[in-house]
Amino acid sequence: MGSFSIFNWLSVLILVLVPLSLGALILVLARRSSRAGGTTGQRLAERTGKLPVEARLQALADLKAKGLISDEEHAAQRAAILREV
């Protein structure tokens, strides 16, 4: 009566090893997806060779704020980006 039967061992295996295996599988899948990660905009940029419109407009505004382009250049480039939408 004091020893474990095969049924007891199978129960332990099912209750302990199955959740641990599932946890390990979830961890591996999460790490794999984070490596392939990046934002949606970054993945789009990699596929198409272009940044999303919002990022391009922000980069253009940054150039203007730093004084690297004139107001006319900013307006022309902004119009060109918005025409593509």
PDB file of N, CA and C in Angstrom:
ATOM      1  N   MET A   1       0.801  -1.184   0.000  1.00  0.00           N
ATOM      2  CA  MET A   1       0.000   0.000   0.000  1.00  0.00           C
ATOM      3  C   MET A   1       0.857   1.267   0.000  1.00  0.00           C
ATOM      4  N   GLY A   2       2.097   1.153   0.466  1.00  0.00           N
ATOM      5  CA  GLY A   2       2.945   2.322   0.574  1.00  0.00           C
ATOM      6  C   GLY A   2       3.741   2.621  -0.685  1.00  0.00           C
ATOM      7  N   SER A   3       3.720   1.777  -1.696  1.00  0.00           N
ATOM      8  CA  SER A   3       4.528   2.012  -2.890  1.00  0.00           C
ATOM      9  C   SER A   3       3.680   2.629  -4.009  1.00  0.00           C
ATOM     10  N   PHE A   4       4.384   3.253  -4.943  1.00  0.00           N
ATOM     11  CA  PHE A   4       3.718   3.861  -6.090  1.00  0.00           C
ATOM     12  C   PHE A   4       3.422   2.801  -7.138  1.00  0.00           C
ATOM     13  N   SER A   5       2.229   2.799  -7.646  1.00  0.00           N
ATOM     14  CA  SER A   5       1.886   1.892  -8.737  1.00  0.00           C
ATOM     15  C   SER A   5       2.183   2.573 -10.069  1.00  0.00           C
ATOM     16  N   ILE A   6       2.072   1.867 -11.141  1.00  0.00           N
ATOM     17  CA  ILE A   6       2.293   2.434 -12.470  1.00  0.00           C
ATOM     18  C   ILE A   6       1.304   3.554 -12.749  1.00  0.00           C
ATOM     19  N   PHE A   7       0.087   3.413 -12.234  1.00  0.00           N
ATOM     20  CA  PHE A   7      -0.921   4.461 -12.406  1.00  0.00           C
ATOM     21  C   PHE A   7      -0.480   5.749 -11.729  1.00  0.00           C
ATOM     22  N   ASN A   8       0.112   5.640 -10.538  1.00  0.00           N
ATOM     23  CA  ASN A   8       0.600   6.821  -9.832  1.00  0.00           C
ATOM     24  C   ASN A   8       1.721   7.506 -10.609  1.00  0.00           C
ATOM     25  N   TRP A   9       2.642   6.728 -11.154  1.00  0.00           N
ATOM     26  CA  TRP A   9       3.740   7.295 -11.925  1.00  0.00           C
ATOM     27  C   TRP A   9       3.244   7.969 -13.203  1.00  0.00           C
ATOM     28  N   LEU A  10       2.301   7.361 -13.857  1.00  0.00           N
ATOM     29  CA  LEU A  10       1.734   7.980 -15.060  1.00  0.00           C
ATOM     30  C   LEU A  10       1.028   9.283 -14.719  1.00  0.00           C
ATOM     31  N   SER A  11       0.337   9.294 -13.613  1.00  0.00           N
ATOM     32  CA  SER A  11      -0.332  10.527 -13.178  1.00  0.00           C
ATOM     33  C   SER A  11       0.681  11.626 -12.919  1.00  0.00           C
ATOM     34  N   VAL A  12       1.776  11.290 -12.256  1.00  0.00           N
ATOM     35  CA  VAL A  12       2.817  12.282 -11.986  1.00  0.00           C
ATOM     36  C   VAL A  12       3.406  12.797 -13.292  1.00  0.00           C
ATOM     37  N   LEU A  13       3.685  11.909 -14.211  1.00  0.00           N
ATOM     38  CA  LEU A  13       4.235  12.322 -15.503  1.00  0.00           C
ATOM     39  C   LEU A  13       3.299  13.273 -16.226  1.00  0.00           C
ATOM     40  N   ILE A  14       2.031  12.927 -16.233  1.00  0.00           N
ATOM     41  CA  ILE A  14       1.053  13.755 -16.935  1.00  0.00           C
ATOM     42  C   ILE A  14       0.899  15.107 -16.256  1.00  0.00           C
ATOM     43  N   LEU A  15       0.821  15.127 -14.942  1.00  0.00           N
ATOM     44  CA  LEU A  15       0.576  16.374 -14.213  1.00  0.00           C
ATOM     45  C   LEU A  15       1.796  17.275 -14.113  1.00  0.00           C
ATOM     46  N   VAL A  16       2.992  16.712 -14.246  1.00  0.00           N
ATOM     47  CA  VAL A  16       4.203  17.518 -14.094  1.00  0.00           C
ATOM     48  C   VAL A  16       4.897  17.762 -15.433  1.00  0.00           C
ATOM     49  N   LEU A  17       5.152  16.713 -16.173  1.00  0.00           N
ATOM     50  CA  LEU A  17       5.954  16.862 -17.380  1.00  0.00           C
ATOM     51  C   LEU A  17       5.207  17.512 -18.538  1.00  0.00           C
ATOM     52  N   VAL A  18       3.942  17.247 -18.680  1.00  0.00           N
ATOM     53  CA  VAL A  18       3.194  17.845 -19.787  1.00  0.00           C
ATOM     54  C   VAL A  18       3.138  19.375 -19.652  1.00  0.00           C
ATOM     55  N   PRO A  19       2.782  19.938 -18.476  1.00  0.00           N
ATOM     56  CA  PRO A  19       2.806  21.408 -18.367  1.00  0.00           C
ATOM     57  C   PRO A  19       4.206  21.995 -18.560  1.00  0.00           C
ATOM     58  N   LEU A  20       5.246  21.309 -18.054  1.00  0.00           N
ATOM     59  CA  LEU A  20       6.604  21.803 -18.256  1.00  0.00           C
ATOM     60  C   LEU A  20       6.987  21.787 -19.731  1.00  0.00           C
ATOM     61  N   SER A  21       6.594  20.761 -20.432  1.00  0.00           N
ATOM     62  CA  SER A  21       6.883  20.678 -21.868  1.00  0.00           C
ATOM     63  C   SER A  21       6.152  21.769 -22.641  1.00  0.00           C
ATOM     64  N   LEU A  22       4.901  21.992 -22.291  1.00  0.00           N
ATOM     65  CA  LEU A  22       4.144  23.055 -22.965  1.00  0.00           C
ATOM     66  C   LEU A  22       4.755  24.424 -22.675  1.00  0.00           C
ATOM     67  N   GLY A  23       5.184  24.646 -21.443  1.00  0.00           N
ATOM     68  CA  GLY A  23       5.826  25.909 -21.093  1.00  0.00           C
ATOM     69  C   GLY A  23       7.103  26.128 -21.884  1.00  0.00           C
ATOM     70  N   ALA A  24       7.903  25.091 -22.024  1.00  0.00           N
ATOM     71  CA  ALA A  24       9.135  25.193 -22.795  1.00  0.00           C
ATOM     72  C   ALA A  24       8.840  25.465 -24.263  1.00  0.00           C
ATOM     73  N   LEU A  25       7.825  24.821 -24.802  1.00  0.00           N
ATOM     74  CA  LEU A  25       7.444  25.041 -26.194  1.00  0.00           C
ATOM     75  C   LEU A  25       6.988  26.483 -26.410  1.00  0.00           C
ATOM     76  N   ILE A  26       6.188  26.990 -25.499  1.00  0.00           N
ATOM     77  CA  ILE A  26       5.717  28.379 -25.603  1.00  0.00           C
ATOM     78  C   ILE A  26       6.897  29.342 -25.531  1.00  0.00           C
ATOM     79  N   LEU A  27       7.852  29.076 -24.649  1.00  0.00           N
ATOM     80  CA  LEU A  27       9.028  29.928 -24.519  1.00  0.00           C
ATOM     81  C   LEU A  27       9.852  29.943 -25.809  1.00  0.00           C
ATOM     82  N   VAL A  28      10.051  28.779 -26.389  1.00  0.00           N
ATOM     83  CA  VAL A  28      10.812  28.694 -27.640  1.00  0.00           C
ATOM     84  C   VAL A  28      10.106  29.454 -28.763  1.00  0.00           C
ATOM     85  N   LEU A  29       8.796  29.274 -28.871  1.00  0.00           N
ATOM     86  CA  LEU A  29       8.040  29.970 -29.919  1.00  0.00           C
ATOM     87  C   LEU A  29       8.054  31.476 -29.710  1.00  0.00           C
ATOM     88  N   ALA A  30       7.965  31.919 -28.462  1.00  0.00           N
ATOM     89  CA  ALA A  30       7.996  33.362 -28.177  1.00  0.00           C
ATOM     90  C   ALA A  30       9.343  33.959 -28.548  1.00  0.00           C
ATOM     91  N   ARG A  31      10.415  33.262 -28.234  1.00  0.00           N
ATOM     92  CA  ARG A  31      11.744  33.767 -28.601  1.00  0.00           C
ATOM     93  C   ARG A  31      11.937  33.810 -30.100  1.00  0.00           C
ATOM     94  N   ARG A  32      11.439  32.796 -30.790  1.00  0.00           N
ATOM     95  CA  ARG A  32      11.575  32.751 -32.246  1.00  0.00           C
ATOM     96  C   ARG A  32      10.818  33.908 -32.887  1.00  0.00           C
ATOM     97  N   SER A  33       9.613  34.197 -32.403  1.00  0.00           N
ATOM     98  CA  SER A  33       8.836  35.282 -33.002  1.00  0.00           C
ATOM     99  C   SER A  33       9.444  36.637 -32.681  1.00  0.00           C
ATOM    100  N   SER A  34      10.090  36.775 -31.516  1.00  0.00           N
ATOM    101  CA  SER A  34      10.708  38.062 -31.193  1.00  0.00           C
ATOM    102  C   SER A  34      11.957  38.304 -32.031  1.00  0.00           C
ATOM    103  N   ARG A  35      12.657  37.244 -32.415  1.00  0.00           N
ATOM    104  CA  ARG A  35      13.820  37.401 -33.294  1.00  0.00           C
ATOM    105  C   ARG A  35      13.401  37.845 -34.681  1.00  0.00           C
ATOM    106  N   ALA A  36      12.298  37.314 -35.156  1.00  0.00           N
ATOM    107  CA  ALA A  36      11.800  37.692 -36.471  1.00  0.00           C
ATOM    108  C   ALA A  36      11.113  39.037 -36.399  1.00  0.00           C
ATOM    109  N   GLY A  37      10.964  39.537 -35.198  1.00  0.00           N
ATOM    110  CA  GLY A  37      10.175  40.713 -34.860  1.00  0.00           C
ATOM    111  C   GLY A  37      10.424  41.973 -35.637  1.00  0.00           C
ATOM    112  N   GLY A  38      10.485  43.056 -34.920  1.00  0.00           N
ATOM    113  CA  GLY A  38      10.466  44.353 -35.545  1.00  0.00           C
ATOM    114  C   GLY A  38       9.026  44.822 -35.598  1.00  0.00           C
ATOM    115  N   THR A  39       8.880  46.094 -35.784  1.00  0.00           N
ATOM    116  CA  THR A  39       7.523  46.609 -35.871  1.00  0.00           C
ATOM    117  C   THR A  39       6.951  46.307 -37.244  1.00  0.00           C
ATOM    118  N   THR A  40       5.665  46.474 -37.378  1.00  0.00           N
ATOM    119  CA  THR A  40       5.024  46.260 -38.670  1.00  0.00           C
ATOM    120  C   THR A  40       5.621  47.195 -39.707  1.00  0.00           C
ATOM    121  N   GLY A  41       5.896  48.415 -39.302  1.00  0.00           N
ATOM    122  CA  GLY A  41       6.500  49.376 -40.220  1.00  0.00           C
ATOM    123  C   GLY A  41       7.881  48.952 -40.674  1.00  0.00           C
ATOM    124  N   GLN A  42       8.666  48.379 -39.763  1.00  0.00           N
ATOM    125  CA  GLN A  42       9.996  47.921 -40.137  1.00  0.00           C
ATOM    126  C   GLN A  42       9.919  46.749 -41.104  1.00  0.00           C
ATOM    127  N   ARG A  43       8.992  45.822 -40.852  1.00  0.00           N
ATOM    128  CA  ARG A  43       8.850  44.683 -41.760  1.00  0.00           C
ATOM    129  C   ARG A  43       8.371  45.153 -43.134  1.00  0.00           C
ATOM    130  N   LEU A  44       7.451  46.128 -43.154  1.00  0.00           N
ATOM    131  CA  LEU A  44       6.968  46.677 -44.419  1.00  0.00           C
ATOM    132  C   LEU A  44       8.110  47.355 -45.168  1.00  0.00           C
ATOM    133  N   ALA A  45       8.929  48.082 -44.442  1.00  0.00           N
ATOM    134  CA  ALA A  45      10.056  48.765 -45.067  1.00  0.00           C
ATOM    135  C   ALA A  45      11.039  47.763 -45.657  1.00  0.00           C
ATOM    136  N   GLU A  46      11.238  46.643 -44.965  1.00  0.00           N
ATOM    137  CA  GLU A  46      12.155  45.632 -45.488  1.00  0.00           C
ATOM    138  C   GLU A  46      11.604  44.999 -46.766  1.00  0.00           C
ATOM    139  N   ARG A  47      10.286  44.778 -46.812  1.00  0.00           N
ATOM    140  CA  ARG A  47       9.690  44.149 -47.996  1.00  0.00           C
ATOM    141  C   ARG A  47       9.621  45.092 -49.179  1.00  0.00           C
ATOM    142  N   THR A  48       9.215  46.336 -48.948  1.00  0.00           N
ATOM    143  CA  THR A  48       8.984  47.264 -50.046  1.00  0.00           C
ATOM    144  C   THR A  48      10.155  48.200 -50.306  1.00  0.00           C
ATOM    145  N   GLY A  49      11.075  48.301 -49.355  1.00  0.00           N
ATOM    146  CA  GLY A  49      12.181  49.228 -49.506  1.00  0.00           C
ATOM    147  C   GLY A  49      11.812  50.647 -49.107  1.00  0.00           C
ATOM    148  N   LYS A  50      10.601  50.855 -48.603  1.00  0.00           N
ATOM    149  CA  LYS A  50      10.156  52.180 -48.182  1.00  0.00           C
ATOM    150  C   LYS A  50       9.655  52.131 -46.751  1.00  0.00           C
ATOM    151  N   LEU A  51       9.868  53.230 -46.051  1.00  0.00           N
ATOM    152  CA  LEU A  51       9.312  53.368 -44.708  1.00  0.00           C
ATOM    153  C   LEU A  51       7.833  53.714 -44.819  1.00  0.00           C
ATOM    154  N   PRO A  52       7.054  53.464 -43.770  1.00  0.00           N
ATOM    155  CA  PRO A  52       5.650  53.881 -43.782  1.00  0.00           C
ATOM    156  C   PRO A  52       5.547  55.412 -43.897  1.00  0.00           C
ATOM    157  N   VAL A  53       4.413  55.869 -44.362  1.00  0.00           N
ATOM    158  CA  VAL A  53       4.207  57.301 -44.597  1.00  0.00           C
ATOM    159  C   VAL A  53       4.472  58.112 -43.334  1.00  0.00           C
ATOM    160  N   GLU A  54       3.962  57.640 -42.194  1.00  0.00           N
ATOM    161  CA  GLU A  54       4.146  58.391 -40.947  1.00  0.00           C
ATOM    162  C   GLU A  54       5.622  58.567 -40.617  1.00  0.00           C
ATOM    163  N   ALA A  55       6.410  57.516 -40.805  1.00  0.00           N
ATOM    164  CA  ALA A  55       7.838  57.585 -40.500  1.00  0.00           C
ATOM    165  C   ALA A  55       8.553  58.518 -41.469  1.00  0.00           C
ATOM    166  N   ARG A  56       8.155  58.474 -42.725  1.00  0.00           N
ATOM    167  CA  ARG A  56       8.779  59.351 -43.716  1.00  0.00           C
ATOM    168  C   ARG A  56       8.453  60.817 -43.428  1.00  0.00           C
ATOM    169  N   LEU A  57       7.201  61.085 -43.054  1.00  0.00           N
ATOM    170  CA  LEU A  57       6.819  62.461 -42.722  1.00  0.00           C
ATOM    171  C   LEU A  57       7.548  62.935 -41.467  1.00  0.00           C
ATOM    172  N   GLN A  58       7.699  62.050 -40.493  1.00  0.00           N
ATOM    173  CA  GLN A  58       8.407  62.424 -39.265  1.00  0.00           C
ATOM    174  C   GLN A  58       9.882  62.697 -39.556  1.00  0.00           C
ATOM    175  N   ALA A  59      10.492  61.878 -40.385  1.00  0.00           N
ATOM    176  CA  ALA A  59      11.891  62.095 -40.752  1.00  0.00           C
ATOM    177  C   ALA A  59      12.052  63.421 -41.491  1.00  0.00           C
ATOM    178  N   LEU A  60      11.101  63.719 -42.355  1.00  0.00           N
ATOM    179  CA  LEU A  60      11.129  64.988 -43.082  1.00  0.00           C
ATOM    180  C   LEU A  60      10.995  66.173 -42.134  1.00  0.00           C
ATOM    181  N   ALA A  61      10.086  66.053 -41.168  1.00  0.00           N
ATOM    182  CA  ALA A  61       9.915  67.123 -40.173  1.00  0.00           C
ATOM    183  C   ALA A  61      11.173  67.289 -39.331  1.00  0.00           C
ATOM    184  N   ASP A  62      11.839  66.184 -39.013  1.00  0.00           N
ATOM    185  CA  ASP A  62      13.087  66.265 -38.252  1.00  0.00           C
ATOM    186  C   ASP A  62      14.169  66.994 -39.033  1.00  0.00           C
ATOM    187  N   LEU A  63      14.258  66.703 -40.333  1.00  0.00           N
ATOM    188  CA  LEU A  63      15.236  67.401 -41.168  1.00  0.00           C
ATOM    189  C   LEU A  63      14.970  68.898 -41.193  1.00  0.00           C
ATOM    190  N   LYS A  64      13.710  69.263 -41.296  1.00  0.00           N
ATOM    191  CA  LYS A  64      13.339  70.691 -41.315  1.00  0.00           C
ATOM    192  C   LYS A  64      13.657  71.332 -39.966  1.00  0.00           C
ATOM    193  N   ALA A  65      13.331  70.631 -38.869  1.00  0.00           N
ATOM    194  CA  ALA A  65      13.580  71.174 -37.530  1.00  0.00           C
ATOM    195  C   ALA A  65      15.073  71.381 -37.280  1.00  0.00           C
ATOM    196  N   LYS A  66      15.909  70.542 -37.864  1.00  0.00           N
ATOM    197  CA  LYS A  66      17.354  70.677 -37.701  1.00  0.00           C
ATOM    198  C   LYS A  66      17.950  71.700 -38.651  1.00  0.00           C
ATOM    199  N   GLY A  67      17.114  72.229 -39.548  1.00  0.00           N
ATOM    200  CA  GLY A  67      17.585  73.235 -40.492  1.00  0.00           C
ATOM    201  C   GLY A  67      18.352  72.655 -41.664  1.00  0.00           C
ATOM    202  N   LEU A  68      18.187  71.363 -41.912  1.00  0.00           N
ATOM    203  CA  LEU A  68      18.921  70.729 -43.000  1.00  0.00           C
ATOM    204  C   LEU A  68      18.229  70.887 -44.348  1.00  0.00           C
ATOM    205  N   ILE A  69      16.935  71.197 -44.335  1.00  0.00           N
ATOM    206  CA  ILE A  69      16.210  71.476 -45.579  1.00  0.00           C
ATOM    207  C   ILE A  69      15.408  72.757 -45.380  1.00  0.00           C
ATOM    208  N   SER A  70      15.118  73.404 -46.489  1.00  0.00           N
ATOM    209  CA  SER A  70      14.363  74.669 -46.420  1.00  0.00           C
ATOM    210  C   SER A  70      12.860  74.377 -46.343  1.00  0.00           C
ATOM    211  N   ASP A  71      12.096  75.441 -46.090  1.00  0.00           N
ATOM    212  CA  ASP A  71      10.637  75.297 -46.046  1.00  0.00           C
ATOM    213  C   ASP A  71      10.095  74.831 -47.392  1.00  0.00           C
ATOM    214  N   GLU A  72      10.678  75.328 -48.476  1.00  0.00           N
ATOM    215  CA  GLU A  72      10.224  74.938 -49.807  1.00  0.00           C
ATOM    216  C   GLU A  72      10.512  73.464 -50.081  1.00  0.00           C
ATOM    217  N   GLU A  73      11.702  73.017 -49.705  1.00  0.00           N
ATOM    218  CA  GLU A  73      12.047  71.604 -49.893  1.00  0.00           C
ATOM    219  C   GLU A  73      11.134  70.714 -49.046  1.00  0.00           C
ATOM    220  N   HIS A  74      10.869  71.165 -47.837  1.00  0.00           N
ATOM    221  CA  HIS A  74       9.981  70.404 -46.946  1.00  0.00           C
ATOM    222  C   HIS A  74       8.594  70.286 -47.559  1.00  0.00           C
ATOM    223  N   ALA A  75       8.067  71.404 -48.049  1.00  0.00           N
ATOM    224  CA  ALA A  75       6.720  71.394 -48.629  1.00  0.00           C
ATOM    225  C   ALA A  75       6.657  70.498 -49.869  1.00  0.00           C
ATOM    226  N   ALA A  76       7.690  70.568 -50.699  1.00  0.00           N
ATOM    227  CA  ALA A  76       7.706  69.763 -51.923  1.00  0.00           C
ATOM    228  C   ALA A  76       7.794  68.272 -51.593  1.00  0.00           C
ATOM    229  N   GLN A  77       8.667  67.899 -50.685  1.00  0.00           N
ATOM    230  CA  GLN A  77       8.817  66.493 -50.316  1.00  0.00           C
ATOM    231  C   GLN A  77       7.580  65.964 -49.601  1.00  0.00           C
ATOM    232  N   ARG A  78       6.983  66.801 -48.757  1.00  0.00           N
ATOM    233  CA  ARG A  78       5.766  66.394 -48.037  1.00  0.00           C
ATOM    234  C   ARG A  78       4.639  66.121 -49.029  1.00  0.00           C
ATOM    235  N   ALA A  79       4.510  67.013 -50.021  1.00  0.00           N
ATOM    236  CA  ALA A  79       3.486  66.816 -51.043  1.00  0.00           C
ATOM    237  C   ALA A  79       3.738  65.533 -51.842  1.00  0.00           C
ATOM    238  N   ALA A  80       4.997  65.265 -52.146  1.00  0.00           N
ATOM    239  CA  ALA A  80       5.339  64.057 -52.904  1.00  0.00           C
ATOM    240  C   ALA A  80       5.007  62.802 -52.096  1.00  0.00           C
ATOM    241  N   ILE A  81       5.297  62.820 -50.810  1.00  0.00           N
ATOM    242  CA  ILE A  81       4.980  61.651 -49.957  1.00  0.00           C
ATOM    243  C   ILE A  81       3.480  61.457 -49.875  1.00  0.00           C
ATOM    244  N   LEU A  82       2.741  62.528 -49.693  1.00  0.00           N
ATOM    245  CA  LEU A  82       1.280  62.412 -49.553  1.00  0.00           C
ATOM    246  C   LEU A  82       0.618  62.010 -50.877  1.00  0.00           C
ATOM    247  N   ARG A  83       1.213  62.349 -51.997  1.00  0.00           N
ATOM    248  CA  ARG A  83       0.655  61.920 -53.303  1.00  0.00           C
ATOM    249  C   ARG A  83       0.714  60.400 -53.454  1.00  0.00           C
ATOM    250  N   GLU A  84       1.691  59.776 -52.836  1.00  0.00           N
ATOM    251  CA  GLU A  84       1.842  58.333 -52.948  1.00  0.00           C
ATOM    252  C   GLU A  84       0.780  57.551 -52.180  1.00  0.00           C
ATOM    253  N   VAL A  85       0.103  58.224 -51.271  1.00  0.00           N
ATOM    254  CA  VAL A  85      -0.886  57.537 -50.444  1.00  0.00           C
ATOM    255  C   VAL A  85      -2.133  57.252 -51.218  1.00  0.00           C
TER     256      VAL A  85
END
